[in-house]
C-alpha atoms as a PDB file:
ATOM      1  CA  MET A   1      70.095 107.290  80.029  1.00  0.00           C
ATOM      2  CA  LEU A   2      73.287 108.968  78.839  1.00  0.00           C
ATOM      3  CA  ILE A   3      76.055 107.679  76.580  1.00  0.00           C
ATOM      4  CA  ASP A   4      79.716 108.537  77.054  1.00  0.00           C
ATOM      5  CA  VAL A   5      80.804 108.040  73.459  1.00  0.00           C
ATOM      6  CA  HIS A   6      84.540 108.144  74.145  1.00  0.00           C
ATOM      7  CA  ALA A   7      86.533 106.942  77.153  1.00  0.00           C
ATOM      8  CA  HIS A   8      89.800 105.139  77.877  1.00  0.00           C
ATOM      9  CA  LEU A   9      89.000 103.087  80.966  1.00  0.00           C
ATOM     10  CA  ASP A  10      91.710 100.605  80.021  1.00  0.00           C
ATOM     11  CA  PHE A  11      94.359 103.257  80.782  1.00  0.00           C
ATOM     12  CA  PRO A  12      96.532 102.749  83.884  1.00  0.00           C
ATOM     13  CA  GLN A  13      94.912 105.682  85.722  1.00  0.00           C
ATOM     14  CA  PHE A  14      92.011 103.298  86.384  1.00  0.00           C
ATOM     15  CA  ASP A  15      94.045 100.314  87.575  1.00  0.00           C
ATOM     16  CA  PRO A  16      93.164 100.898  91.269  1.00  0.00           C
ATOM     17  CA  ASP A  17      89.365 101.023  90.824  1.00  0.00           C
ATOM     18  CA  ARG A  18      88.344 100.317  87.213  1.00  0.00           C
ATOM     19  CA  ASP A  19      85.390  98.061  88.027  1.00  0.00           C
ATOM     20  CA  GLU A  20      84.095 100.538  90.618  1.00  0.00           C
ATOM     21  CA  VAL A  21      84.247 103.377  88.067  1.00  0.00           C
ATOM     22  CA  ILE A  22      82.233 101.309  85.595  1.00  0.00           C
ATOM     23  CA  GLU A  23      79.753 100.294  88.288  1.00  0.00           C
ATOM     24  CA  ARG A  24      79.213 103.947  89.268  1.00  0.00           C
ATOM     25  CA  ALA A  25      78.330 104.678  85.657  1.00  0.00           C
ATOM     26  CA  ALA A  26      75.985 101.691  85.494  1.00  0.00           C
ATOM     27  CA  LYS A  27      74.110 102.895  88.572  1.00  0.00           C
ATOM     28  CA  GLU A  28      73.631 106.269  86.841  1.00  0.00           C
ATOM     29  CA  ASP A  29      72.314 104.528  83.682  1.00  0.00           C
ATOM     30  CA  ILE A  30      75.353 105.559  81.642  1.00  0.00           C
ATOM     31  CA  LEU A  31      76.614 103.517  78.702  1.00  0.00           C
ATOM     32  CA  ILE A  32      80.302 103.781  77.784  1.00  0.00           C
ATOM     33  CA  ILE A  33      82.042 103.419  74.437  1.00  0.00           C
ATOM     34  CA  ASN A  34      85.617 102.549  75.367  1.00  0.00           C
ATOM     35  CA  SER A  35      88.282 103.307  72.773  1.00  0.00           C
ATOM     36  CA  GLY A  36      91.102 100.771  72.886  1.00  0.00           C
ATOM     37  CA  LEU A  37      94.288 101.944  71.186  1.00  0.00           C
ATOM     38  CA  GLY A  38      96.914  99.555  69.845  1.00  0.00           C
ATOM     39  CA  VAL A  39      96.997  95.818  70.403  1.00  0.00           C
ATOM     40  CA  GLU A  40      97.193  95.987  74.189  1.00  0.00           C
ATOM     41  CA  GLY A  41      94.444  98.595  74.465  1.00  0.00           C
ATOM     42  CA  ALA A  42      92.251  96.655  72.050  1.00  0.00           C
ATOM     43  CA  ARG A  43      92.553  93.442  74.042  1.00  0.00           C
ATOM     44  CA  LYS A  44      91.858  95.185  77.348  1.00  0.00           C
ATOM     45  CA  THR A  45      88.859  96.945  75.835  1.00  0.00           C
ATOM     46  CA  LEU A  46      87.404  93.712  74.459  1.00  0.00           C
ATOM     47  CA  ASP A  47      87.788  92.192  77.935  1.00  0.00           C
ATOM     48  CA  LEU A  48      86.008  95.149  79.576  1.00  0.00           C
ATOM     49  CA  ALA A  49      83.144  94.993  77.106  1.00  0.00           C
ATOM     50  CA  GLY A  50      82.852  91.264  77.676  1.00  0.00           C
ATOM     51  CA  ARG A  51      82.600  91.674  81.452  1.00  0.00           C
ATOM     52  CA  HIS A  52      80.393  94.778  81.746  1.00  0.00           C
ATOM     53  CA  ASP A  53      76.954  95.174  80.176  1.00  0.00           C
ATOM     54  CA  ASN A  54      77.273  98.974  80.008  1.00  0.00           C
ATOM     55  CA  VAL A  55      80.640  98.992  78.187  1.00  0.00           C
ATOM     56  CA  TYR A  56      80.982  98.753  74.402  1.00  0.00           C
ATOM     57  CA  ALA A  57      84.246  98.399  72.499  1.00  0.00           C
ATOM     58  CA  ALA A  58      85.739 100.602  69.800  1.00  0.00           C
ATOM     59  CA  LEU A  59      89.196  99.670  68.513  1.00  0.00           C
ATOM     60  CA  GLY A  60      91.665 102.058  66.948  1.00  0.00           C
ATOM     61  CA  MET A  61      95.177 103.433  66.834  1.00  0.00           C
ATOM     62  CA  SER A  62      96.774 106.649  67.980  1.00  0.00           C
ATOM     63  CA  PRO A  63      97.744 108.785  64.964  1.00  0.00           C
ATOM     64  CA  THR A  64     101.186 109.132  66.537  1.00  0.00           C
ATOM     65  CA  GLU A  65     101.847 105.379  66.139  1.00  0.00           C
ATOM     66  CA  PHE A  66     103.929 104.534  63.055  1.00  0.00           C
ATOM     67  CA  ASP A  67     104.821 100.884  63.726  1.00  0.00           C
ATOM     68  CA  GLU A  68     103.486  99.065  60.659  1.00  0.00           C
ATOM     69  CA  LYS A  69     103.413  95.740  62.485  1.00  0.00           C
ATOM     70  CA  GLU A  70     101.334  97.208  65.318  1.00  0.00           C
ATOM     71  CA  ILE A  71      98.924  98.881  62.897  1.00  0.00           C
ATOM     72  CA  ASN A  72      98.459  95.679  60.905  1.00  0.00           C
ATOM     73  CA  ALA A  73      97.850  93.745  64.126  1.00  0.00           C
ATOM     74  CA  VAL A  74      95.108  96.168  65.185  1.00  0.00           C
ATOM     75  CA  ILE A  75      93.479  95.918  61.754  1.00  0.00           C
ATOM     76  CA  ASP A  76      93.528  92.126  62.106  1.00  0.00           C
ATOM     77  CA  LEU A  77      91.916  92.410  65.562  1.00  0.00           C
ATOM     78  CA  ILE A  78      89.183  94.630  64.151  1.00  0.00           C
ATOM     79  CA  ARG A  79      88.421  92.142  61.375  1.00  0.00           C
ATOM     80  CA  GLU A  80      88.455  89.237  63.831  1.00  0.00           C
ATOM     81  CA  ASN A  81      86.102  90.967  66.282  1.00  0.00           C
ATOM     82  CA  ILE A  82      83.573  92.725  64.049  1.00  0.00           C
ATOM     83  CA  ASP A  83      80.669  91.246  66.022  1.00  0.00           C
ATOM     84  CA  ARG A  84      82.152  92.395  69.354  1.00  0.00           C
ATOM     85  CA  ILE A  85      82.854  96.052  68.542  1.00  0.00           C
ATOM     86  CA  VAL A  86      80.650  99.013  67.670  1.00  0.00           C
ATOM     87  CA  ALA A  87      83.164 101.311  65.927  1.00  0.00           C
ATOM     88  CA  ILE A  88      86.645 101.822  64.570  1.00  0.00           C
ATOM     89  CA  GLY A  89      88.461 104.526  66.465  1.00  0.00           C
ATOM     90  CA  GLU A  90      89.875 106.599  67.466  1.00  0.00           C
ATOM     91  CA  VAL A  91      91.992 107.160  64.363  1.00  0.00           C
ATOM     92  CA  GLY A  92      92.935 110.336  62.541  1.00  0.00           C
ATOM     93  CA  LEU A  93      95.588 113.051  62.464  1.00  0.00           C
ATOM     94  CA  ASP A  94      97.634 114.743  65.170  1.00  0.00           C
ATOM     95  CA  TYR A  95      99.763 117.738  64.225  1.00  0.00           C
ATOM     96  CA  TYR A  96     100.305 118.815  67.826  1.00  0.00           C
ATOM     97  CA  TRP A  97     102.763 115.984  68.456  1.00  0.00           C
ATOM     98  CA  VAL A  98     103.729 115.168  64.863  1.00  0.00           C
ATOM     99  CA  LYS A  99     105.657 118.029  63.247  1.00  0.00           C
ATOM    100  CA  ASP A 100     107.608 116.287  60.478  1.00  0.00           C
ATOM    101  CA  ASP A 101     106.052 116.567  57.005  1.00  0.00           C
ATOM    102  CA  LEU A 102     106.868 112.975  56.067  1.00  0.00           C
ATOM    103  CA  ARG A 103     105.329 111.681  59.275  1.00  0.00           C
ATOM    104  CA  ARG A 104     102.229 113.783  58.649  1.00  0.00           C
ATOM    105  CA  TRP A 105     101.945 112.261  55.181  1.00  0.00           C
ATOM    106  CA  GLN A 106     102.218 108.795  56.753  1.00  0.00           C
ATOM    107  CA  GLU A 107      99.523 109.721  59.280  1.00  0.00           C
ATOM    108  CA  ALA A 108      97.199 110.658  56.440  1.00  0.00           C
ATOM    109  CA  GLU A 109      97.876 107.382  54.626  1.00  0.00           C
ATOM    110  CA  TYR A 110      97.080 105.365  57.739  1.00  0.00           C
ATOM    111  CA  PHE A 111      93.967 107.476  58.301  1.00  0.00           C
ATOM    112  CA  ARG A 112      92.745 106.720  54.778  1.00  0.00           C
ATOM    113  CA  ARG A 113      93.450 103.058  55.396  1.00  0.00           C
ATOM    114  CA  PHE A 114      91.192 103.035  58.463  1.00  0.00           C
ATOM    115  CA  ILE A 115      88.489 104.923  56.581  1.00  0.00           C
ATOM    116  CA  ALA A 116      88.583 102.214  53.909  1.00  0.00           C
ATOM    117  CA  LEU A 117      88.475  99.532  56.613  1.00  0.00           C
ATOM    118  CA  SER A 118      85.427 101.209  58.146  1.00  0.00           C
ATOM    119  CA  ASP A 119      83.652 100.988  54.809  1.00  0.00           C
ATOM    120  CA  GLU A 120      84.820  97.418  54.268  1.00  0.00           C
ATOM    121  CA  VAL A 121      83.539  96.027  57.567  1.00  0.00           C
ATOM    122  CA  GLY A 122      80.522  98.327  57.908  1.00  0.00           C
ATOM    123  CA  LEU A 123      81.490  99.928  61.215  1.00  0.00           C
ATOM    124  CA  PRO A 124      81.253 103.657  62.052  1.00  0.00           C
ATOM    125  CA  LEU A 125      84.394 105.760  62.416  1.00  0.00           C
ATOM    126  CA  VAL A 126      85.536 107.808  65.436  1.00  0.00           C
ATOM    127  CA  VAL A 127      88.072 110.468  64.493  1.00  0.00           C
ATOM    128  CA  HIS A 128      90.872 112.181  66.430  1.00  0.00           C
ATOM    129  CA  SER A 129      92.076 115.551  65.157  1.00  0.00           C
ATOM    130  CA  ARG A 130      94.479 117.770  67.025  1.00  0.00           C
ATOM    131  CA  GLY A 131      95.834 120.789  65.217  1.00  0.00           C
ATOM    132  CA  ALA A 132      94.838 119.034  61.987  1.00  0.00           C
ATOM    133  CA  GLU A 133      91.141 119.773  61.653  1.00  0.00           C
ATOM    134  CA  ALA A 134      91.259 121.229  58.138  1.00  0.00           C
ATOM    135  CA  ASP A 135      93.096 118.193  56.747  1.00  0.00           C
ATOM    136  CA  VAL A 136      90.869 115.765  58.637  1.00  0.00           C
ATOM    137  CA  LEU A 137      87.724 117.367  57.218  1.00  0.00           C
ATOM    138  CA  GLN A 138      89.213 117.426  53.716  1.00  0.00           C
ATOM    139  CA  ILE A 139      90.157 113.727  53.813  1.00  0.00           C
ATOM    140  CA  LEU A 140      86.726 112.773  55.148  1.00  0.00           C
ATOM    141  CA  GLU A 141      85.022 114.860  52.469  1.00  0.00           C
ATOM    142  CA  GLU A 142      87.167 113.305  49.728  1.00  0.00           C
ATOM    143  CA  SER A 143      86.172 109.845  50.951  1.00  0.00           C
ATOM    144  CA  GLY A 144      82.513 110.766  51.424  1.00  0.00           C
ATOM    145  CA  LYS A 145      82.771 109.478  54.991  1.00  0.00           C
ATOM    146  CA  ARG A 146      80.555 110.735  57.831  1.00  0.00           C
ATOM    147  CA  ALA A 147      82.217 110.276  61.201  1.00  0.00           C
ATOM    148  CA  LEU A 148      82.077 111.122  64.870  1.00  0.00           C
ATOM    149  CA  LEU A 149      84.611 113.864  65.566  1.00  0.00           C
ATOM    150  CA  HIS A 150      85.918 113.101  69.034  1.00  0.00           C
ATOM    151  CA  CYS A 151      86.753 116.152  71.156  1.00  0.00           C
ATOM    152  CA  PHE A 152      86.767 118.378  68.081  1.00  0.00           C
ATOM    153  CA  GLY A 153      89.425 121.048  68.563  1.00  0.00           C
ATOM    154  CA  GLY A 154      88.805 123.226  65.535  1.00  0.00           C
ATOM    155  CA  THR A 155      87.092 126.565  65.261  1.00  0.00           C
ATOM    156  CA  VAL A 156      83.371 127.116  65.674  1.00  0.00           C
ATOM    157  CA  GLY A 157      83.195 127.682  61.924  1.00  0.00           C
ATOM    158  CA  GLN A 158      84.920 124.358  61.214  1.00  0.00           C
ATOM    159  CA  ALA A 159      82.538 122.614  63.597  1.00  0.00           C
ATOM    160  CA  GLU A 160      79.558 124.149  61.796  1.00  0.00           C
ATOM    161  CA  GLU A 161      81.027 123.042  58.452  1.00  0.00           C
ATOM    162  CA  ALA A 162      81.550 119.523  59.785  1.00  0.00           C
ATOM    163  CA  ALA A 163      78.029 119.332  61.168  1.00  0.00           C
ATOM    164  CA  SER A 164      76.558 120.546  57.865  1.00  0.00           C
ATOM    165  CA  PHE A 165      78.460 117.769  56.075  1.00  0.00           C
ATOM    166  CA  GLY A 166      76.850 115.208  58.387  1.00  0.00           C
ATOM    167  CA  HIS A 167      79.492 114.578  61.044  1.00  0.00           C
ATOM    168  CA  LEU A 168      78.683 114.307  64.733  1.00  0.00           C
ATOM    169  CA  ILE A 169      80.491 116.697  67.080  1.00  0.00           C
ATOM    170  CA  SER A 170      81.461 115.012  70.347  1.00  0.00           C
ATOM    171  CA  MET A 171      81.482 117.470  73.224  1.00  0.00           C
ATOM    172  CA  PRO A 172      83.878 116.631  76.092  1.00  0.00           C
ATOM    173  CA  THR A 173      83.281 117.312  79.766  1.00  0.00           C
ATOM    174  CA  ASN A 174      85.528 120.374  79.779  1.00  0.00           C
ATOM    175  CA  VAL A 175      82.551 122.162  78.209  1.00  0.00           C
ATOM    176  CA  VAL A 176      81.698 122.845  81.849  1.00  0.00           C
ATOM    177  CA  TYR A 177      84.378 125.561  81.969  1.00  0.00           C
ATOM    178  CA  SER A 178      85.651 126.035  78.398  1.00  0.00           C
ATOM    179  CA  LYS A 179      84.185 129.153  76.795  1.00  0.00           C
ATOM    180  CA  ARG A 180      85.291 127.906  73.367  1.00  0.00           C
ATOM    181  CA  LYS A 181      83.441 124.617  73.813  1.00  0.00           C
ATOM    182  CA  GLN A 182      80.382 126.491  75.046  1.00  0.00           C
ATOM    183  CA  GLU A 183      80.428 128.699  71.942  1.00  0.00           C
ATOM    184  CA  MET A 184      80.712 125.595  69.772  1.00  0.00           C
ATOM    185  CA  THR A 185      77.847 123.962  71.654  1.00  0.00           C
ATOM    186  CA  GLU A 186      75.659 126.995  71.063  1.00  0.00           C
ATOM    187  CA  ALA A 187      76.410 126.934  67.332  1.00  0.00           C
ATOM    188  CA  ILE A 188      75.780 123.230  66.690  1.00  0.00           C
ATOM    189  CA  ALA A 189      72.276 121.833  66.337  1.00  0.00           C
ATOM    190  CA  MET A 190      71.264 119.264  68.942  1.00  0.00           C
ATOM    191  CA  ASN A 191      70.901 116.536  66.323  1.00  0.00           C
ATOM    192  CA  ARG A 192      74.644 116.803  65.608  1.00  0.00           C
ATOM    193  CA  LEU A 193      75.868 116.637  69.232  1.00  0.00           C
ATOM    194  CA  VAL A 194      76.985 113.721  71.390  1.00  0.00           C
ATOM    195  CA  LEU A 195      78.714 113.645  74.786  1.00  0.00           C
ATOM    196  CA  GLU A 196      82.049 112.234  75.877  1.00  0.00           C
ATOM    197  CA  THR A 197      84.418 112.334  78.822  1.00  0.00           C
ATOM    198  CA  ASP A 198      87.675 111.227  77.150  1.00  0.00           C
ATOM    199  CA  SER A 199      88.357 109.721  80.578  1.00  0.00           C
ATOM    200  CA  PRO A 200      90.769 109.983  82.285  1.00  0.00           C
ATOM    201  CA  TYR A 201      91.315 113.368  80.573  1.00  0.00           C
ATOM    202  CA  LEU A 202      89.343 116.624  80.171  1.00  0.00           C
ATOM    203  CA  ALA A 203      87.616 116.458  83.538  1.00  0.00           C
ATOM    204  CA  PRO A 204      85.080 119.152  84.458  1.00  0.00           C
ATOM    205  CA  VAL A 205      87.475 120.082  87.269  1.00  0.00           C
ATOM    206  CA  PRO A 206      90.933 120.715  85.744  1.00  0.00           C
ATOM    207  CA  LYS A 207      93.830 118.495  86.869  1.00  0.00           C
ATOM    208  CA  THR A 208      91.545 115.781  88.244  1.00  0.00           C
ATOM    209  CA  ARG A 209      90.882 112.311  86.859  1.00  0.00           C
ATOM    210  CA  ASN A 210      87.788 112.196  84.697  1.00  0.00           C
ATOM    211  CA  GLU A 211      85.266 109.328  84.659  1.00  0.00           C
ATOM    212  CA  PRO A 212      81.996 108.558  82.849  1.00  0.00           C
ATOM    213  CA  VAL A 213      79.612 109.686  85.616  1.00  0.00           C
ATOM    214  CA  ASN A 214      80.760 113.257  84.901  1.00  0.00           C
ATOM    215  CA  ILE A 215      78.847 113.148  81.617  1.00  0.00           C
ATOM    216  CA  ARG A 216      75.820 114.372  83.578  1.00  0.00           C
ATOM    217  CA  LEU A 217      77.646 117.647  84.283  1.00  0.00           C
ATOM    218  CA  SER A 218      78.130 118.099  80.536  1.00  0.00           C
ATOM    219  CA  ALA A 219      74.456 117.529  79.878  1.00  0.00           C
ATOM    220  CA  GLU A 220      73.531 120.105  82.515  1.00  0.00           C
ATOM    221  CA  LYS A 221      75.954 122.696  81.133  1.00  0.00           C
ATOM    222  CA  ILE A 222      74.837 122.171  77.552  1.00  0.00           C
ATOM    223  CA  ALA A 223      71.225 122.504  78.664  1.00  0.00           C
ATOM    224  CA  GLY A 224      72.081 125.863  80.211  1.00  0.00           C
ATOM    225  CA  VAL A 225      73.909 127.044  77.104  1.00  0.00           C
ATOM    226  CA  LYS A 226      71.044 126.046  74.820  1.00  0.00           C
ATOM    227  CA  GLY A 227      68.254 127.086  77.170  1.00  0.00           C
ATOM    228  CA  VAL A 228      66.610 123.677  77.325  1.00  0.00           C
ATOM    229  CA  ALA A 229      66.037 121.047  79.998  1.00  0.00           C
ATOM    230  CA  SER A 230      68.812 118.566  80.852  1.00  0.00           C
ATOM    231  CA  ALA A 231      66.399 115.779  79.969  1.00  0.00           C
ATOM    232  CA  ALA A 232      66.143 117.151  76.431  1.00  0.00           C
ATOM    233  CA  VAL A 233      69.938 117.092  76.065  1.00  0.00           C
ATOM    234  CA  ALA A 234      70.078 113.541  77.420  1.00  0.00           C
ATOM    235  CA  LYS A 235      67.328 112.367  75.074  1.00  0.00           C
ATOM    236  CA  ALA A 236      68.825 113.971  71.955  1.00  0.00           C
ATOM    237  CA  THR A 237      72.471 113.041  72.510  1.00  0.00           C
ATOM    238  CA  THR A 238      71.563 109.489  73.500  1.00  0.00           C
ATOM    239  CA  ALA A 239      69.439 109.066  70.377  1.00  0.00           C
ATOM    240  CA  ASN A 240      72.261 110.469  68.223  1.00  0.00           C
ATOM    241  CA  ALA A 241      74.797 108.080  69.759  1.00  0.00           C
ATOM    242  CA  LYS A 242      72.513 105.046  69.495  1.00  0.00           C
ATOM    243  CA  ARG A 243      71.902 105.793  65.845  1.00  0.00           C
ATOM    244  CA  PHE A 244      75.594 106.303  65.068  1.00  0.00           C
ATOM    245  CA  PHE A 245      76.825 103.192  66.871  1.00  0.00           C
ATOM    246  CA  ASN A 246      73.789 101.085  65.923  1.00  0.00           C
ATOM    247  CA  LEU A 247      73.020 100.355  69.578  1.00  0.00           C
ATOM    248  CA  ARG A 248      69.782  98.674  70.535  1.00  0.00           C
END
């Protein structure tokens, strides 16, 4: 078994063959944590999880969303569906797209709000950080929150710091060709690693649509980097993900 801890199968790139993509993963014994963003994404994700035994729902909000009404509606959906979801996320900070200082301050306030919600409802937190890793780690440390850092884009040193604090580092499928991701993989202990596709993005073949079955390519690459068997990577990352998301 493998677990793709972060995918967006509700995105329109999968409209032509969504069920087939999920079925391919099921045949490969792959579980999927689908991250639904915003009200529409949350509702689609809840529907997918309700219809497919190998899909679990996480509900969150893009850090680049500043509509208070939309954010409040997603928080309401999370509270209303606690028993149907396994995590809050993704949420976090994005400085790649958000350049304005006031907007960045608002991002941080919303991020803290979701951290508090995670504590309130007892669900784990999946964090997005793009160009904002130092601030993300600082806010998490201030709150005492351990999280899953989705597609962590910081330095190897920041990843090591995050892992030592107790965060999980989620390694995307572009580890197949990314030297930086391979260096990060080498530096992080196996008990701090999980696997993701971020489907439809970050495919092992650039400029192609990603999907959960490609998680096996990640496991094989990581095994090569660490000098262990693929089965050992599968066993460790699956155990880490099950523990984090409280999966049976």
